[in-house]
Amino acid sequence: MVASFNDAISAYRNAASGKTASVAERVGGTGQTVNPGESFADMVKGAAVDARATMVNSEQMTQKAIIGDAELHEVVTAVSAAEVTLRTVVSVRDKAVEAYQSVLSMPI
């Protein structure tokens, strides 16, 4: 978030001159930074990579639990994270399909 008027002017000048890569905002509550110059495709790709990493971690923790190398609470946490990630991905997919169908049904 922009904290003051001077910061807003500075951010505007950076964006106007094509220096958006140097401008970053912190997402509230998550501790992640977002680059306003990042394309939508890059954002979706990053989210897909993160979702895959969560799923792979869950799979690895499950395999460790089978051979006895992982604590139960670690496995439960990893599987719960994977479940939440899967539900989120499915919800986003459903909304994207719904939006696509809405665009198709629009009159020209």
Protein backbone atom coordinates (compact mmCIF):
# COMPACT_ATOMS: atom_id res chain seq x y z
CA MET A 1 0.00 0.00 0.00
CA VAL A 2 1.11 3.54 -0.65
CA ALA A 3 1.76 5.24 2.69
CA SER A 4 1.82 8.90 1.69
CA PHE A 5 1.20 11.34 -1.12
CA ASN A 6 4.92 11.49 -1.94
CA ASP A 7 5.09 7.70 -2.17
CA ALA A 8 2.10 7.75 -4.52
CA ILE A 9 3.77 10.33 -6.77
CA SER A 10 7.00 8.32 -6.75
CA ALA A 11 5.16 5.11 -7.62
CA TYR A 12 3.31 6.87 -10.44
CA ARG A 13 6.55 8.26 -11.87
CA ASN A 14 8.18 4.81 -11.70
CA ALA A 15 5.20 3.22 -13.44
CA ALA A 16 5.08 5.93 -16.11
CA SER A 17 8.78 5.50 -16.87
CA GLY A 18 8.48 1.72 -17.08
CA LYS A 19 10.17 0.98 -13.75
CA THR A 20 7.30 -1.08 -12.38
CA ALA A 21 9.64 -3.95 -11.56
CA SER A 22 11.09 -1.89 -8.70
CA VAL A 23 7.69 -1.21 -7.17
CA ALA A 24 6.39 -3.91 -4.83
CA GLU A 25 3.46 -4.07 -2.47
CA ARG A 26 3.11 -6.29 0.56
CA VAL A 27 -0.03 -8.40 0.60
CA GLY A 28 -1.81 -7.85 3.88
CA GLY A 29 -1.51 -10.73 6.31
CA THR A 30 0.45 -13.06 4.04
CA GLY A 31 3.90 -11.51 4.15
CA GLN A 32 4.24 -11.95 0.39
CA THR A 33 5.24 -9.19 -1.98
CA VAL A 34 3.43 -8.52 -5.22
CA ASN A 35 4.97 -6.86 -8.25
CA PRO A 36 2.33 -4.60 -9.85
CA GLY A 37 4.09 -5.00 -13.22
CA GLU A 38 3.67 -8.77 -13.16
CA SER A 39 1.39 -10.11 -15.87
CA PHE A 40 -1.72 -12.10 -15.11
CA ALA A 41 -0.21 -15.14 -16.81
CA ASP A 42 2.85 -14.94 -14.54
CA MET A 43 0.62 -14.69 -11.48
CA VAL A 44 -1.42 -17.74 -12.54
CA LYS A 45 1.75 -19.67 -13.35
CA GLY A 46 3.20 -18.83 -9.92
CA ALA A 47 0.00 -19.96 -8.22
CA ALA A 48 0.04 -23.23 -10.18
CA VAL A 49 3.67 -23.86 -9.24
CA ASP A 50 2.88 -23.22 -5.56
CA ALA A 51 -0.14 -25.54 -5.71
CA ARG A 52 1.94 -28.29 -7.29
CA ALA A 53 4.65 -27.86 -4.66
CA THR A 54 2.05 -28.24 -1.91
CA MET A 55 0.72 -31.42 -3.50
CA VAL A 56 4.21 -32.87 -3.95
CA ASN A 57 5.05 -32.08 -0.30
CA SER A 58 1.88 -33.86 0.83
CA GLU A 59 2.77 -36.90 -1.27
CA GLN A 60 6.30 -36.99 0.13
CA MET A 61 5.07 -36.68 3.72
CA THR A 62 2.60 -39.50 3.14
CA GLN A 63 5.37 -41.71 1.78
CA LYS A 64 7.56 -40.87 4.79
CA ALA A 65 4.68 -41.77 7.11
CA ILE A 66 4.31 -45.16 5.43
CA ILE A 67 7.93 -46.03 6.15
CA GLY A 68 7.83 -44.44 9.60
CA ASP A 69 10.07 -41.40 9.01
CA ALA A 70 7.46 -38.69 9.67
CA GLU A 71 5.49 -37.56 12.68
CA LEU A 72 1.72 -37.90 12.46
CA HIS A 73 1.07 -34.19 12.97
CA GLU A 74 3.42 -33.31 10.07
CA VAL A 75 1.54 -35.69 7.78
CA VAL A 76 -1.86 -34.37 8.85
CA THR A 77 -0.71 -30.78 8.30
CA ALA A 78 0.67 -31.58 4.83
CA VAL A 79 -2.44 -33.48 3.78
CA SER A 80 -4.72 -30.71 5.10
CA ALA A 81 -2.73 -28.12 3.15
CA ALA A 82 -3.04 -30.24 0.03
CA GLU A 83 -6.79 -30.59 0.54
CA VAL A 84 -7.25 -26.83 0.92
CA THR A 85 -5.08 -26.23 -2.14
CA LEU A 86 -7.07 -28.72 -4.21
CA ARG A 87 -10.37 -27.16 -3.16
CA THR A 88 -9.03 -23.71 -4.06
CA VAL A 89 -7.79 -24.86 -7.47
CA VAL A 90 -11.13 -26.53 -8.22
CA SER A 91 -13.03 -23.39 -7.16
CA VAL A 92 -10.87 -21.16 -9.35
CA ARG A 93 -11.30 -23.55 -12.27
CA ASP A 94 -15.07 -23.57 -11.82
CA LYS A 95 -15.19 -19.76 -11.72
CA ALA A 96 -13.01 -19.53 -14.85
CA VAL A 97 -15.31 -21.93 -16.72
CA GLU A 98 -18.35 -20.00 -15.51
CA ALA A 99 -16.82 -16.73 -16.70
CA TYR A 100 -15.95 -18.27 -20.08
CA GLN A 101 -19.52 -19.54 -20.50
CA SER A 102 -20.85 -16.07 -19.58
CA VAL A 103 -18.67 -14.50 -22.27
CA LEU A 104 -19.86 -17.05 -24.82
CA SER A 105 -23.51 -16.31 -24.06
CA MET A 106 -23.09 -12.54 -24.50
CA PRO A 107 -24.75 -11.09 -27.57
CA ILE A 108 -22.42 -9.51 -30.11
